[in-house]
Amino acid sequence: MIGYIIIGIAVGGIIGYLLAESKSKILTGKHSALIGQLQQKENEISLTNNKLLEANAELRELSSKLAETEMARKKDLEKIGDQLTLLASAKEQ
């Protein structure tokens, strides 16, 4: 009778060990898959950040060109205003 109890405990222990090891392998596989997905997402984030940096650099360049164009436009308007004043003055004379 005690022999059956010992055999039952041993068989139960072996089954428990095998189930735990099987679950551990499943979790290890899931862990590896999640690490792979995480690395893929990190790569995507890195690529997106690089694109954003390039877009920001282009935006700064365009903003600078816009400011230069706006200054040139203002100077042109001043010249046109001066020329209109001279023209009006010449008409009066």
N, C-alpha and C. Protein backbone atom coordinates (compact mmCIF):
# COMPACT_ATOMS: atom_id res chain seq x y z
N MET A 1 0.81 -1.18 0.00
CA MET A 1 0.00 0.00 0.00
C MET A 1 0.87 1.26 0.00
N ILE A 2 1.86 1.33 0.84
CA ILE A 2 2.76 2.47 0.90
C ILE A 2 3.52 2.58 -0.42
N GLY A 3 3.81 1.44 -1.02
CA GLY A 3 4.49 1.44 -2.31
C GLY A 3 3.67 2.14 -3.37
N TYR A 4 2.35 1.90 -3.36
CA TYR A 4 1.48 2.56 -4.33
C TYR A 4 1.44 4.07 -4.10
N ILE A 5 1.45 4.45 -2.84
CA ILE A 5 1.45 5.89 -2.51
C ILE A 5 2.73 6.54 -3.03
N ILE A 6 3.85 5.87 -2.81
CA ILE A 6 5.14 6.40 -3.25
C ILE A 6 5.17 6.48 -4.78
N ILE A 7 4.68 5.41 -5.43
CA ILE A 7 4.63 5.42 -6.90
C ILE A 7 3.70 6.53 -7.38
N GLY A 8 2.56 6.73 -6.73
CA GLY A 8 1.62 7.80 -7.10
C GLY A 8 2.25 9.17 -6.96
N ILE A 9 2.98 9.35 -5.86
CA ILE A 9 3.66 10.64 -5.64
C ILE A 9 4.71 10.86 -6.71
N ALA A 10 5.47 9.81 -7.04
CA ALA A 10 6.52 9.92 -8.05
C ALA A 10 5.92 10.23 -9.41
N VAL A 11 4.86 9.51 -9.79
CA VAL A 11 4.21 9.75 -11.08
C VAL A 11 3.62 11.16 -11.11
N GLY A 12 2.99 11.58 -10.01
CA GLY A 12 2.44 12.93 -9.94
C GLY A 12 3.53 13.98 -10.06
N GLY A 13 4.66 13.73 -9.42
CA GLY A 13 5.78 14.66 -9.50
C GLY A 13 6.32 14.76 -10.92
N ILE A 14 6.43 13.61 -11.59
CA ILE A 14 6.92 13.61 -12.97
C ILE A 14 5.94 14.34 -13.88
N ILE A 15 4.67 14.05 -13.73
CA ILE A 15 3.66 14.74 -14.54
C ILE A 15 3.70 16.25 -14.28
N GLY A 16 3.80 16.63 -13.02
CA GLY A 16 3.88 18.06 -12.68
C GLY A 16 5.10 18.72 -13.29
N TYR A 17 6.24 18.01 -13.23
CA TYR A 17 7.48 18.53 -13.81
C TYR A 17 7.33 18.71 -15.32
N LEU A 18 6.77 17.70 -15.98
CA LEU A 18 6.60 17.77 -17.43
C LEU A 18 5.64 18.90 -17.82
N LEU A 19 4.56 19.06 -17.08
CA LEU A 19 3.63 20.15 -17.36
C LEU A 19 4.28 21.51 -17.15
N ALA A 20 5.05 21.63 -16.08
CA ALA A 20 5.73 22.90 -15.80
C ALA A 20 6.76 23.20 -16.88
N GLU A 21 7.49 22.20 -17.31
CA GLU A 21 8.50 22.42 -18.35
C GLU A 21 7.83 22.78 -19.68
N SER A 22 6.72 22.12 -19.98
CA SER A 22 5.98 22.42 -21.20
C SER A 22 5.47 23.86 -21.16
N LYS A 23 4.92 24.26 -20.03
CA LYS A 23 4.43 25.64 -19.89
C LYS A 23 5.59 26.62 -19.99
N SER A 24 6.72 26.27 -19.43
CA SER A 24 7.90 27.13 -19.50
C SER A 24 8.35 27.32 -20.94
N LYS A 25 8.34 26.23 -21.73
CA LYS A 25 8.74 26.34 -23.13
C LYS A 25 7.76 27.21 -23.91
N ILE A 26 6.47 27.07 -23.61
CA ILE A 26 5.46 27.90 -24.27
C ILE A 26 5.69 29.36 -23.94
N LEU A 27 5.93 29.64 -22.67
CA LEU A 27 6.16 31.03 -22.25
C LEU A 27 7.45 31.57 -22.85
N THR A 28 8.47 30.74 -22.96
CA THR A 28 9.72 31.17 -23.57
C THR A 28 9.50 31.51 -25.03
N GLY A 29 8.70 30.68 -25.72
CA GLY A 29 8.38 30.97 -27.12
C GLY A 29 7.62 32.27 -27.26
N LYS A 30 6.64 32.48 -26.40
CA LYS A 30 5.87 33.72 -26.44
C LYS A 30 6.77 34.91 -26.13
N HIS A 31 7.67 34.74 -25.18
CA HIS A 31 8.61 35.80 -24.80
C HIS A 31 9.49 36.16 -26.00
N SER A 32 9.99 35.14 -26.68
CA SER A 32 10.83 35.39 -27.85
C SER A 32 10.05 36.10 -28.95
N ALA A 33 8.82 35.67 -29.16
CA ALA A 33 7.99 36.32 -30.18
C ALA A 33 7.73 37.78 -29.81
N LEU A 34 7.46 38.05 -28.54
CA LEU A 34 7.20 39.42 -28.10
C LEU A 34 8.46 40.28 -28.23
N ILE A 35 9.61 39.69 -27.95
CA ILE A 35 10.87 40.43 -28.11
C ILE A 35 11.07 40.78 -29.58
N GLY A 36 10.77 39.83 -30.47
CA GLY A 36 10.88 40.10 -31.90
C GLY A 36 9.95 41.22 -32.33
N GLN A 37 8.71 41.20 -31.85
CA GLN A 37 7.76 42.25 -32.18
C GLN A 37 8.22 43.60 -31.63
N LEU A 38 8.75 43.58 -30.42
CA LEU A 38 9.24 44.82 -29.81
C LEU A 38 10.39 45.39 -30.61
N GLN A 39 11.32 44.55 -31.05
CA GLN A 39 12.43 45.03 -31.86
C GLN A 39 11.95 45.60 -33.18
N GLN A 40 10.95 44.96 -33.78
CA GLN A 40 10.38 45.46 -35.03
C GLN A 40 9.74 46.83 -34.81
N LYS A 41 8.99 46.98 -33.72
CA LYS A 41 8.37 48.27 -33.43
C LYS A 41 9.42 49.34 -33.15
N GLU A 42 10.50 48.95 -32.46
CA GLU A 42 11.57 49.92 -32.19
C GLU A 42 12.21 50.37 -33.50
N ASN A 43 12.39 49.44 -34.44
CA ASN A 43 12.94 49.81 -35.75
C ASN A 43 11.98 50.75 -36.49
N GLU A 44 10.69 50.46 -36.43
CA GLU A 44 9.71 51.33 -37.07
C GLU A 44 9.73 52.72 -36.44
N ILE A 45 9.84 52.77 -35.13
CA ILE A 45 9.90 54.06 -34.43
C ILE A 45 11.15 54.83 -34.84
N SER A 46 12.26 54.11 -34.95
CA SER A 46 13.51 54.75 -35.36
C SER A 46 13.39 55.33 -36.76
N LEU A 47 12.81 54.55 -37.68
CA LEU A 47 12.62 55.05 -39.05
C LEU A 47 11.70 56.26 -39.07
N THR A 48 10.64 56.21 -38.28
CA THR A 48 9.70 57.32 -38.21
C THR A 48 10.38 58.57 -37.63
N ASN A 49 11.20 58.37 -36.61
CA ASN A 49 11.92 59.50 -36.02
C ASN A 49 12.87 60.12 -37.04
N ASN A 50 13.54 59.27 -37.83
CA ASN A 50 14.45 59.80 -38.85
C ASN A 50 13.68 60.60 -39.90
N LYS A 51 12.51 60.09 -40.29
CA LYS A 51 11.69 60.82 -41.25
C LYS A 51 11.24 62.15 -40.67
N LEU A 52 10.88 62.15 -39.39
CA LEU A 52 10.47 63.40 -38.74
C LEU A 52 11.61 64.40 -38.67
N LEU A 53 12.81 63.91 -38.38
CA LEU A 53 13.97 64.81 -38.34
C LEU A 53 14.21 65.42 -39.71
N GLU A 54 14.11 64.59 -40.75
CA GLU A 54 14.29 65.12 -42.11
C GLU A 54 13.20 66.12 -42.45
N ALA A 55 11.96 65.81 -42.08
CA ALA A 55 10.85 66.72 -42.36
C ALA A 55 11.03 68.03 -41.60
N ASN A 56 11.50 67.95 -40.35
CA ASN A 56 11.73 69.18 -39.57
C ASN A 56 12.82 70.02 -40.20
N ALA A 57 13.89 69.37 -40.69
CA ALA A 57 14.97 70.11 -41.34
C ALA A 57 14.45 70.80 -42.60
N GLU A 58 13.64 70.07 -43.37
CA GLU A 58 13.07 70.65 -44.58
C GLU A 58 12.12 71.80 -44.23
N LEU A 59 11.35 71.63 -43.18
CA LEU A 59 10.43 72.69 -42.73
C LEU A 59 11.20 73.94 -42.31
N ARG A 60 12.30 73.75 -41.57
CA ARG A 60 13.11 74.90 -41.17
C ARG A 60 13.68 75.62 -42.39
N GLU A 61 14.13 74.83 -43.37
CA GLU A 61 14.68 75.43 -44.59
C GLU A 61 13.60 76.21 -45.35
N LEU A 62 12.42 75.61 -45.47
CA LEU A 62 11.32 76.30 -46.16
C LEU A 62 10.88 77.55 -45.40
N SER A 63 10.88 77.47 -44.08
CA SER A 63 10.51 78.62 -43.27
C SER A 63 11.51 79.75 -43.47
N SER A 64 12.78 79.40 -43.55
CA SER A 64 13.82 80.40 -43.78
C SER A 64 13.65 81.04 -45.16
N LYS A 65 13.37 80.21 -46.16
CA LYS A 65 13.16 80.74 -47.51
C LYS A 65 11.93 81.64 -47.54
N LEU A 66 10.89 81.26 -46.82
CA LEU A 66 9.67 82.08 -46.75
C LEU A 66 9.98 83.43 -46.13
N ALA A 67 10.76 83.43 -45.06
CA ALA A 67 11.12 84.70 -44.41
C ALA A 67 11.92 85.58 -45.36
N GLU A 68 12.84 84.97 -46.10
CA GLU A 68 13.64 85.74 -47.07
C GLU A 68 12.73 86.32 -48.17
N THR A 69 11.82 85.49 -48.65
CA THR A 69 10.90 85.95 -49.70
C THR A 69 10.01 87.07 -49.18
N GLU A 70 9.56 86.95 -47.95
CA GLU A 70 8.71 87.99 -47.36
C GLU A 70 9.48 89.30 -47.22
N MET A 71 10.74 89.21 -46.82
CA MET A 71 11.55 90.43 -46.71
C MET A 71 11.75 91.06 -48.08
N ALA A 72 12.01 90.24 -49.09
CA ALA A 72 12.20 90.76 -50.45
C ALA A 72 10.91 91.41 -50.94
N ARG A 73 9.77 90.79 -50.62
CA ARG A 73 8.47 91.35 -51.02
C ARG A 73 8.25 92.71 -50.37
N LYS A 74 8.59 92.81 -49.09
CA LYS A 74 8.42 94.10 -48.40
C LYS A 74 9.32 95.17 -49.01
N LYS A 75 10.56 94.78 -49.34
CA LYS A 75 11.47 95.76 -49.97
C LYS A 75 10.92 96.19 -51.33
N ASP A 76 10.39 95.21 -52.08
CA ASP A 76 9.81 95.56 -53.38
C ASP A 76 8.62 96.50 -53.21
N LEU A 77 7.77 96.25 -52.21
CA LEU A 77 6.63 97.14 -51.96
C LEU A 77 7.10 98.54 -51.58
N GLU A 78 8.18 98.62 -50.79
CA GLU A 78 8.71 99.94 -50.43
C GLU A 78 9.22 100.67 -51.67
N LYS A 79 9.92 99.92 -52.54
CA LYS A 79 10.44 100.54 -53.78
C LYS A 79 9.28 101.03 -54.65
N ILE A 80 8.25 100.20 -54.76
CA ILE A 80 7.08 100.59 -55.55
C ILE A 80 6.42 101.83 -54.95
N GLY A 81 6.34 101.85 -53.62
CA GLY A 81 5.77 103.03 -52.95
C GLY A 81 6.60 104.27 -53.22
N ASP A 82 7.92 104.12 -53.13
CA ASP A 82 8.80 105.26 -53.42
C ASP A 82 8.65 105.71 -54.86
N GLN A 83 8.56 104.75 -55.78
CA GLN A 83 8.41 105.11 -57.19
C GLN A 83 7.08 105.80 -57.45
N LEU A 84 6.03 105.33 -56.77
CA LEU A 84 4.73 106.00 -56.92
C LEU A 84 4.79 107.42 -56.38
N THR A 85 5.49 107.61 -55.29
CA THR A 85 5.64 108.96 -54.72
C THR A 85 6.39 109.85 -55.69
N LEU A 86 7.48 109.31 -56.26
CA LEU A 86 8.26 110.09 -57.24
C LEU A 86 7.41 110.41 -58.47
N LEU A 87 6.63 109.42 -58.90
CA LEU A 87 5.78 109.63 -60.08
C LEU A 87 4.72 110.70 -59.80
N ALA A 88 4.12 110.66 -58.63
CA ALA A 88 3.13 111.65 -58.27
C ALA A 88 3.77 113.02 -58.19
N SER A 89 4.97 113.06 -57.64
CA SER A 89 5.70 114.32 -57.54
C SER A 89 6.04 114.87 -58.92
N ALA A 90 6.45 113.99 -59.82
CA ALA A 90 6.80 114.41 -61.17
C ALA A 90 5.57 114.92 -61.91
N LYS A 91 4.41 114.30 -61.65
CA LYS A 91 3.18 114.75 -62.33
C LYS A 91 2.81 116.15 -61.85
N GLU A 92 3.02 116.42 -60.58
CA GLU A 92 2.68 117.73 -60.03
C GLU A 92 3.57 118.81 -60.65
N GLN A 93 4.81 118.46 -60.90
CA GLN A 93 5.75 119.44 -61.45
C GLN A 93 5.46 119.61 -62.91
